[in-house]
Amino acid sequence: MSSSPFSPPPPDLLSAFNERWQARNVVAHRCQPPPWWAPGTVASGELHYQYQRYLPVVDYLRELEGLLASSLPHPLWVPSAVRRPEQWASLAALWDDLPEAFGGRLTWSVDDLWPLACALADLEPYGSRAGRYPEQRELLGKLQLAPGDLILDHGCGTGQGSWEIAGWLSEAGRPLTLLGITREPLEAWMAREQRLPHHPKLPPDRIFPPPPTGLRCSFVAGDIRTFALTAPARLVVCNGLIGGPALHAEAELEGLLQRLTDSLGDGGWLLVGDRFHGGWDASRARFRELALQRFAIVGEAGRSLLLRLDRPNSR
């Protein structure tokens, strides 16, 4: 287990940040009577308005981005959510997406910043979990993988699902390599280290499966739309990504399928699964139609589909 990549920000930068936001909070509480945000609060439009009036989420995250950038190995390590404040109606909505220990807070100590950065990279509504796709164990049992084969897990998040798949594959006793890919460098670090600094005591549904024997796992930051391999993969796993909010436009799906085709060796497999609500059924169905122009169905169970690349029809 390695030490964290975090380094303390310059003391004057942190103190100036805290002083500014403490002062703005005092003004906000003086000018706007309760109620204020509290855990479990269902924020009304009026509550969002008051927070935006006195404590705008855009201003807060812009300043927080600079603070975190001074503490992480590279500005790209700053969670992408920090650069997309428009996804939250106000700070109240942001706090709803963080662990309870961070809710309602505007100022931070040095020791707070590392777990805060990890919480912003691993927002509560989207956090990775093992056990989401139990049906995939049976589907993976259909594969004839050879020693040295490469398995890619695109959109692996903090890696619990990747480690679960690695455990299933290791049961065959073949030395394989699994590479998990996620857009957030902090998520890749958490997956590799099997640590969630923003959850000192892991919730039961966030526990990491034990590392398997005989199977090498590594994790890197990358985007499924642009990630390039130096060698073909034998299996690509893509759970909770295709046909949902992140990837659903037809042009995106067609481009993705071309990239997946290029990533796989002859006869390679693609395993996809999701837990999207019914509002995404049309885009999920369209992906299936497009995929079957290149792939053949090997098996299907629950919300998971195992496909094999049909190279002659993939051109």
Protein backbone atom coordinates (compact mmCIF):
# COMPACT_ATOMS: atom_id res chain seq x y z
CA MET A 1 0.00 0.00 0.00
CA SER A 2 1.49 3.35 -1.03
CA SER A 3 1.16 6.71 0.68
CA SER A 4 -1.35 9.19 -0.67
CA PRO A 5 -0.33 11.52 -3.52
CA PHE A 6 -1.66 14.49 -1.55
CA SER A 7 0.59 17.28 -0.28
CA PRO A 8 -0.57 20.16 1.93
CA PRO A 9 -1.43 23.42 0.14
CA PRO A 10 0.42 26.60 1.00
CA PRO A 11 -0.83 27.65 4.47
CA ASP A 12 -1.72 31.17 3.34
CA LEU A 13 -3.81 29.79 0.45
CA LEU A 14 -5.87 27.57 2.75
CA SER A 15 -6.30 30.24 5.44
CA ALA A 16 -7.39 32.84 2.87
CA PHE A 17 -9.92 30.39 1.41
CA ASN A 18 -11.34 29.61 4.84
CA GLU A 19 -11.51 33.26 5.88
CA ARG A 20 -13.37 34.29 2.73
CA TRP A 21 -15.96 31.57 2.97
CA GLN A 22 -16.43 31.89 6.70
CA ALA A 23 -17.09 35.60 6.21
CA ARG A 24 -19.58 34.92 3.39
CA ASN A 25 -21.31 32.32 5.56
CA VAL A 26 -21.71 34.81 8.39
CA VAL A 27 -23.35 37.29 6.02
CA ALA A 28 -25.61 34.59 4.61
CA HIS A 29 -26.85 33.53 8.04
CA ARG A 30 -27.36 37.13 9.08
CA CYS A 31 -29.43 37.98 6.01
CA GLN A 32 -31.38 34.75 5.57
CA PRO A 33 -33.23 33.14 8.49
CA PRO A 34 -33.53 29.34 8.88
CA PRO A 35 -34.18 26.75 7.67
CA TRP A 36 -30.77 25.94 6.25
CA TRP A 37 -29.53 22.72 4.77
CA ALA A 38 -29.33 19.67 7.04
CA PRO A 39 -28.78 15.96 6.29
CA GLY A 40 -31.95 14.49 4.86
CA THR A 41 -33.36 17.88 3.91
CA VAL A 42 -35.36 17.99 0.70
CA ALA A 43 -34.19 21.32 -0.63
CA SER A 44 -36.91 23.58 -1.98
CA GLY A 45 -36.47 25.98 -4.85
CA GLU A 46 -36.41 28.81 -2.32
CA LEU A 47 -33.60 27.15 -0.34
CA HIS A 48 -31.53 26.70 -3.50
CA TYR A 49 -32.18 30.33 -4.39
CA GLN A 50 -30.97 31.59 -1.01
CA TYR A 51 -27.80 29.53 -1.17
CA GLN A 52 -27.09 30.75 -4.68
CA ARG A 53 -27.74 34.33 -3.62
CA TYR A 54 -25.21 34.35 -0.79
CA LEU A 55 -22.96 31.30 -1.38
CA PRO A 56 -22.90 30.56 -5.13
CA VAL A 57 -21.78 27.04 -5.92
CA VAL A 58 -19.89 28.25 -9.02
CA ASP A 59 -17.76 30.64 -6.95
CA TYR A 60 -17.16 28.08 -4.25
CA LEU A 61 -16.03 25.29 -6.57
CA ARG A 62 -13.87 27.64 -8.64
CA GLU A 63 -11.91 28.60 -5.54
CA LEU A 64 -11.86 25.02 -4.26
CA GLU A 65 -10.41 23.90 -7.61
CA GLY A 66 -7.40 26.15 -7.09
CA LEU A 67 -6.93 24.89 -3.55
CA LEU A 68 -7.04 21.23 -4.60
CA ALA A 69 -4.81 21.82 -7.63
CA SER A 70 -2.11 23.06 -5.27
CA SER A 71 -2.32 19.80 -3.30
CA LEU A 72 -2.52 17.11 -5.97
CA PRO A 73 0.18 15.82 -8.36
CA HIS A 74 -1.31 17.55 -11.41
CA PRO A 75 -4.30 19.85 -12.08
CA LEU A 76 -5.94 16.97 -13.98
CA TRP A 77 -6.16 15.11 -10.67
CA VAL A 78 -8.74 17.65 -9.49
CA PRO A 79 -12.10 15.81 -9.72
CA SER A 80 -13.93 16.72 -12.92
CA ALA A 81 -17.09 17.39 -10.90
CA VAL A 82 -15.37 20.45 -9.41
CA ARG A 83 -15.11 21.90 -12.92
CA ARG A 84 -18.81 21.24 -13.64
CA PRO A 85 -20.67 23.25 -10.98
CA GLU A 86 -23.71 23.59 -13.25
CA GLN A 87 -24.76 20.05 -12.33
CA TRP A 88 -25.84 21.30 -8.89
CA ALA A 89 -28.67 23.73 -8.22
CA SER A 90 -26.78 25.04 -5.19
CA LEU A 91 -24.34 24.02 -2.48
CA ALA A 92 -27.26 22.24 -0.83
CA ALA A 93 -27.48 19.87 -3.81
CA LEU A 94 -23.71 19.34 -3.76
CA TRP A 95 -23.79 18.41 -0.07
CA ASP A 96 -26.48 15.83 -0.81
CA ASP A 97 -23.98 14.05 -3.09
CA LEU A 98 -21.20 13.88 -0.48
CA PRO A 99 -20.77 11.65 2.57
CA GLU A 100 -22.56 13.06 5.58
CA ALA A 101 -19.30 14.10 7.25
CA PHE A 102 -18.77 16.73 4.51
CA GLY A 103 -22.31 18.07 4.33
CA GLY A 104 -22.96 21.68 5.29
CA ARG A 105 -19.26 22.55 5.46
CA LEU A 106 -17.50 25.43 3.73
CA THR A 107 -14.11 25.50 5.47
CA TRP A 108 -11.50 22.79 5.85
CA SER A 109 -8.39 21.77 7.71
CA VAL A 110 -5.33 20.39 5.92
CA ASP A 111 -6.35 16.88 7.00
CA ASP A 112 -9.80 17.33 5.46
CA LEU A 113 -8.67 18.14 1.94
CA TRP A 114 -7.45 14.70 0.82
CA PRO A 115 -10.66 12.85 1.80
CA LEU A 116 -12.71 15.75 0.40
CA ALA A 117 -10.97 15.43 -2.97
CA CYS A 118 -11.67 11.68 -2.99
CA ALA A 119 -15.33 12.27 -2.09
CA LEU A 120 -15.69 14.70 -5.00
CA ALA A 121 -14.16 12.13 -7.37
CA ASP A 122 -16.45 9.39 -6.04
CA LEU A 123 -19.81 11.10 -5.57
CA GLU A 124 -22.23 9.09 -3.45
CA PRO A 125 -24.98 8.53 -6.06
CA TYR A 126 -22.48 7.02 -8.52
CA GLY A 127 -19.99 5.18 -6.31
CA SER A 128 -18.69 1.78 -7.46
CA ARG A 129 -19.90 -1.33 -5.70
CA ALA A 130 -19.33 -5.06 -5.95
CA GLY A 131 -22.37 -7.28 -6.32
CA ARG A 132 -24.19 -5.18 -8.90
CA TYR A 133 -23.92 -7.77 -11.67
CA PRO A 134 -23.89 -11.25 -10.08
CA GLU A 135 -25.21 -12.76 -13.31
CA GLN A 136 -21.88 -11.97 -14.99
CA ARG A 137 -20.11 -14.72 -13.07
CA GLU A 138 -21.98 -17.34 -15.10
CA LEU A 139 -21.42 -15.47 -18.37
CA LEU A 140 -17.69 -15.20 -17.74
CA GLY A 141 -17.60 -18.94 -17.14
CA LYS A 142 -18.37 -19.42 -20.84
CA LEU A 143 -15.04 -17.90 -21.90
CA GLN A 144 -11.92 -19.81 -22.83
CA LEU A 145 -9.23 -17.38 -21.76
CA ALA A 146 -5.55 -18.21 -22.24
CA PRO A 147 -2.60 -17.37 -19.97
CA GLY A 148 -1.49 -13.81 -20.55
CA ASP A 149 -4.80 -12.60 -21.95
CA LEU A 150 -5.64 -8.94 -21.27
CA ILE A 151 -9.00 -7.95 -19.80
CA LEU A 152 -10.10 -4.30 -19.89
CA ASP A 153 -12.71 -2.89 -17.52
CA HIS A 154 -13.82 0.47 -18.92
CA GLY A 155 -15.53 2.82 -16.46
CA CYS A 156 -14.24 0.87 -13.45
CA GLY A 157 -14.67 3.74 -10.97
CA THR A 158 -13.08 2.90 -7.62
CA GLY A 159 -12.66 -0.70 -8.71
CA GLN A 160 -14.87 -2.87 -6.52
CA GLY A 161 -16.51 -4.43 -9.58
CA SER A 162 -13.12 -4.92 -11.25
CA TRP A 163 -11.73 -6.77 -8.25
CA GLU A 164 -14.88 -8.90 -8.15
CA ILE A 165 -14.49 -9.86 -11.82
CA ALA A 166 -10.79 -10.55 -11.25
CA GLY A 167 -11.73 -12.95 -8.46
CA TRP A 168 -14.17 -14.82 -10.69
CA LEU A 169 -11.66 -15.10 -13.52
CA SER A 170 -8.89 -16.28 -11.19
CA GLU A 171 -10.95 -19.34 -10.30
CA ALA A 172 -9.90 -20.88 -13.63
CA GLY A 173 -6.28 -20.77 -12.43
CA ARG A 174 -4.90 -18.97 -15.49
CA PRO A 175 -2.45 -16.06 -15.14
CA LEU A 176 -4.34 -13.14 -16.67
CA THR A 177 -4.00 -9.35 -16.60
CA LEU A 178 -6.87 -7.00 -15.79
CA LEU A 179 -6.61 -3.29 -16.53
CA GLY A 180 -9.26 -1.01 -15.05
CA ILE A 181 -9.80 2.35 -16.74
CA THR A 182 -11.68 5.30 -15.26
CA ARG A 183 -11.79 9.00 -16.12
CA GLU A 184 -10.78 10.19 -12.65
CA PRO A 185 -7.12 9.79 -11.62
CA LEU A 186 -8.23 9.76 -7.97
CA GLU A 187 -10.60 6.88 -8.68
CA ALA A 188 -7.76 4.94 -10.32
CA TRP A 189 -5.63 5.52 -7.22
CA MET A 190 -8.44 4.37 -4.91
CA ALA A 191 -9.05 1.26 -7.02
CA ARG A 192 -5.37 0.36 -7.06
CA GLU A 193 -4.92 0.91 -3.33
CA GLN A 194 -8.33 -0.53 -2.37
CA ARG A 195 -8.89 2.50 -0.16
CA LEU A 196 -11.63 5.13 0.09
CA PRO A 197 -10.14 7.95 2.21
CA HIS A 198 -13.56 9.67 2.42
CA HIS A 199 -14.97 6.53 4.06
CA PRO A 200 -12.62 5.68 6.96
CA LYS A 201 -14.98 2.82 7.79
CA LEU A 202 -16.19 1.29 4.56
CA PRO A 203 -19.97 0.90 4.23
CA PRO A 204 -20.89 -2.76 3.65
CA ASP A 205 -21.75 -2.12 0.00
CA ARG A 206 -18.42 -0.40 -0.70
CA ILE A 207 -16.09 -3.11 0.62
CA PHE A 208 -13.40 -4.29 -1.79
CA PRO A 209 -13.28 -7.99 -2.71
CA PRO A 210 -9.95 -9.58 -1.72
CA PRO A 211 -7.18 -9.43 -4.34
CA PRO A 212 -7.11 -12.70 -6.31
CA THR A 213 -4.08 -14.90 -6.67
CA GLY A 214 -2.59 -15.49 -10.11
CA LEU A 215 -4.20 -12.48 -11.73
CA ARG A 216 -2.47 -9.12 -12.05
CA CYS A 217 -4.66 -6.02 -11.67
CA SER A 218 -3.76 -2.43 -12.44
CA PHE A 219 -5.76 0.79 -12.81
CA VAL A 220 -5.19 3.91 -14.87
CA ALA A 221 -7.02 7.11 -15.75
CA GLY A 222 -8.41 7.27 -19.27
CA ASP A 223 -11.50 7.96 -21.34
CA ILE A 224 -13.22 5.15 -23.22
CA ARG A 225 -13.66 7.56 -26.15
CA THR A 226 -9.92 8.10 -26.62
CA PHE A 227 -8.01 5.42 -24.70
CA ALA A 228 -5.45 3.62 -26.89
CA LEU A 229 -4.01 0.15 -26.32
CA THR A 230 -0.56 -1.05 -27.26
CA ALA A 231 -1.80 -4.68 -27.50
CA PRO A 232 -5.23 -6.17 -28.20
CA ALA A 233 -7.50 -7.18 -25.35
CA ARG A 234 -9.23 -10.54 -25.19
CA LEU A 235 -12.17 -9.29 -23.13
CA VAL A 236 -13.58 -5.81 -22.62
CA VAL A 237 -16.01 -5.21 -19.75
CA CYS A 238 -18.17 -2.10 -19.76
CA ASN A 239 -20.70 -1.86 -16.94
CA GLY A 240 -22.96 1.07 -16.08
CA LEU A 241 -21.75 3.21 -18.96
CA ILE A 242 -23.13 2.38 -22.41
CA GLY A 243 -26.64 3.57 -23.23
CA GLY A 244 -26.96 5.74 -20.13
CA PRO A 245 -26.27 9.39 -19.25
CA ALA A 246 -22.57 9.24 -20.16
CA LEU A 247 -22.85 7.50 -23.56
CA HIS A 248 -26.13 7.47 -25.45
CA ALA A 249 -25.99 9.64 -28.60
CA GLU A 250 -25.94 7.53 -31.77
CA ALA A 251 -22.69 9.03 -33.03
CA GLU A 252 -21.07 8.27 -29.67
CA LEU A 253 -22.32 4.68 -29.73
CA GLU A 254 -21.07 4.11 -33.28
CA GLY A 255 -17.68 5.61 -32.47
CA LEU A 256 -17.45 3.57 -29.30
CA LEU A 257 -18.21 0.32 -31.12
CA GLN A 258 -15.47 1.07 -33.63
CA ARG A 259 -13.00 1.68 -30.82
CA LEU A 260 -14.07 -1.53 -29.06
CA THR A 261 -13.67 -3.43 -32.31
CA ASP A 262 -10.17 -2.00 -32.71
CA SER A 263 -9.31 -2.87 -29.08
CA LEU A 264 -10.25 -6.55 -29.34
CA GLY A 265 -8.30 -9.31 -30.98
CA ASP A 266 -9.98 -11.74 -33.34
CA GLY A 267 -12.85 -13.45 -31.57
CA GLY A 268 -12.57 -11.17 -28.54
CA TRP A 269 -15.47 -10.72 -26.15
CA LEU A 270 -17.43 -7.70 -24.96
CA LEU A 271 -19.39 -7.88 -21.70
CA VAL A 272 -21.82 -5.04 -20.99
CA GLY A 273 -24.30 -4.51 -18.18
CA ASP A 274 -26.25 -1.68 -16.60
CA ARG A 275 -28.83 -0.77 -13.98
CA PHE A 276 -30.26 2.25 -15.80
CA HIS A 277 -33.93 3.10 -15.28
CA GLY A 278 -36.50 2.66 -18.04
CA GLY A 279 -35.95 6.15 -19.41
CA TRP A 280 -32.78 4.86 -21.07
CA ASP A 281 -34.36 1.79 -22.70
CA ALA A 282 -34.38 3.34 -26.18
CA SER A 283 -30.66 4.14 -26.20
CA ARG A 284 -29.85 0.73 -24.70
CA ALA A 285 -31.87 -0.94 -27.45
CA ARG A 286 -30.15 1.14 -30.11
CA PHE A 287 -26.74 0.15 -28.80
CA ARG A 288 -27.78 -3.50 -29.02
CA GLU A 289 -28.88 -3.05 -32.64
CA LEU A 290 -25.61 -1.39 -33.57
CA ALA A 291 -23.53 -3.92 -31.64
CA LEU A 292 -25.11 -6.87 -33.42
CA GLN A 293 -23.79 -5.51 -36.71
CA ARG A 294 -20.29 -6.35 -35.42
CA PHE A 295 -20.76 -8.87 -32.61
CA ALA A 296 -22.61 -12.14 -32.06
CA ILE A 297 -24.47 -12.91 -28.83
CA VAL A 298 -22.75 -15.54 -26.69
CA GLY A 299 -24.99 -15.26 -23.65
CA GLU A 300 -27.46 -13.02 -21.87
CA ALA A 301 -28.53 -12.91 -18.22
CA GLY A 302 -30.36 -10.26 -16.23
CA ARG A 303 -29.24 -6.87 -17.54
CA SER A 304 -25.93 -8.22 -18.87
CA LEU A 305 -24.98 -9.21 -22.40
CA LEU A 306 -21.92 -11.16 -23.54
CA LEU A 307 -20.90 -10.61 -27.16
CA ARG A 308 -18.16 -12.08 -29.38
CA LEU A 309 -16.52 -10.03 -32.10
CA ASP A 310 -17.51 -11.23 -35.55
CA ARG A 311 -14.57 -9.78 -37.46
CA PRO A 312 -15.84 -10.28 -41.05
CA ASN A 313 -18.95 -8.20 -40.28
CA SER A 314 -17.14 -5.53 -38.28
CA ARG A 315 -15.75 -3.63 -41.23
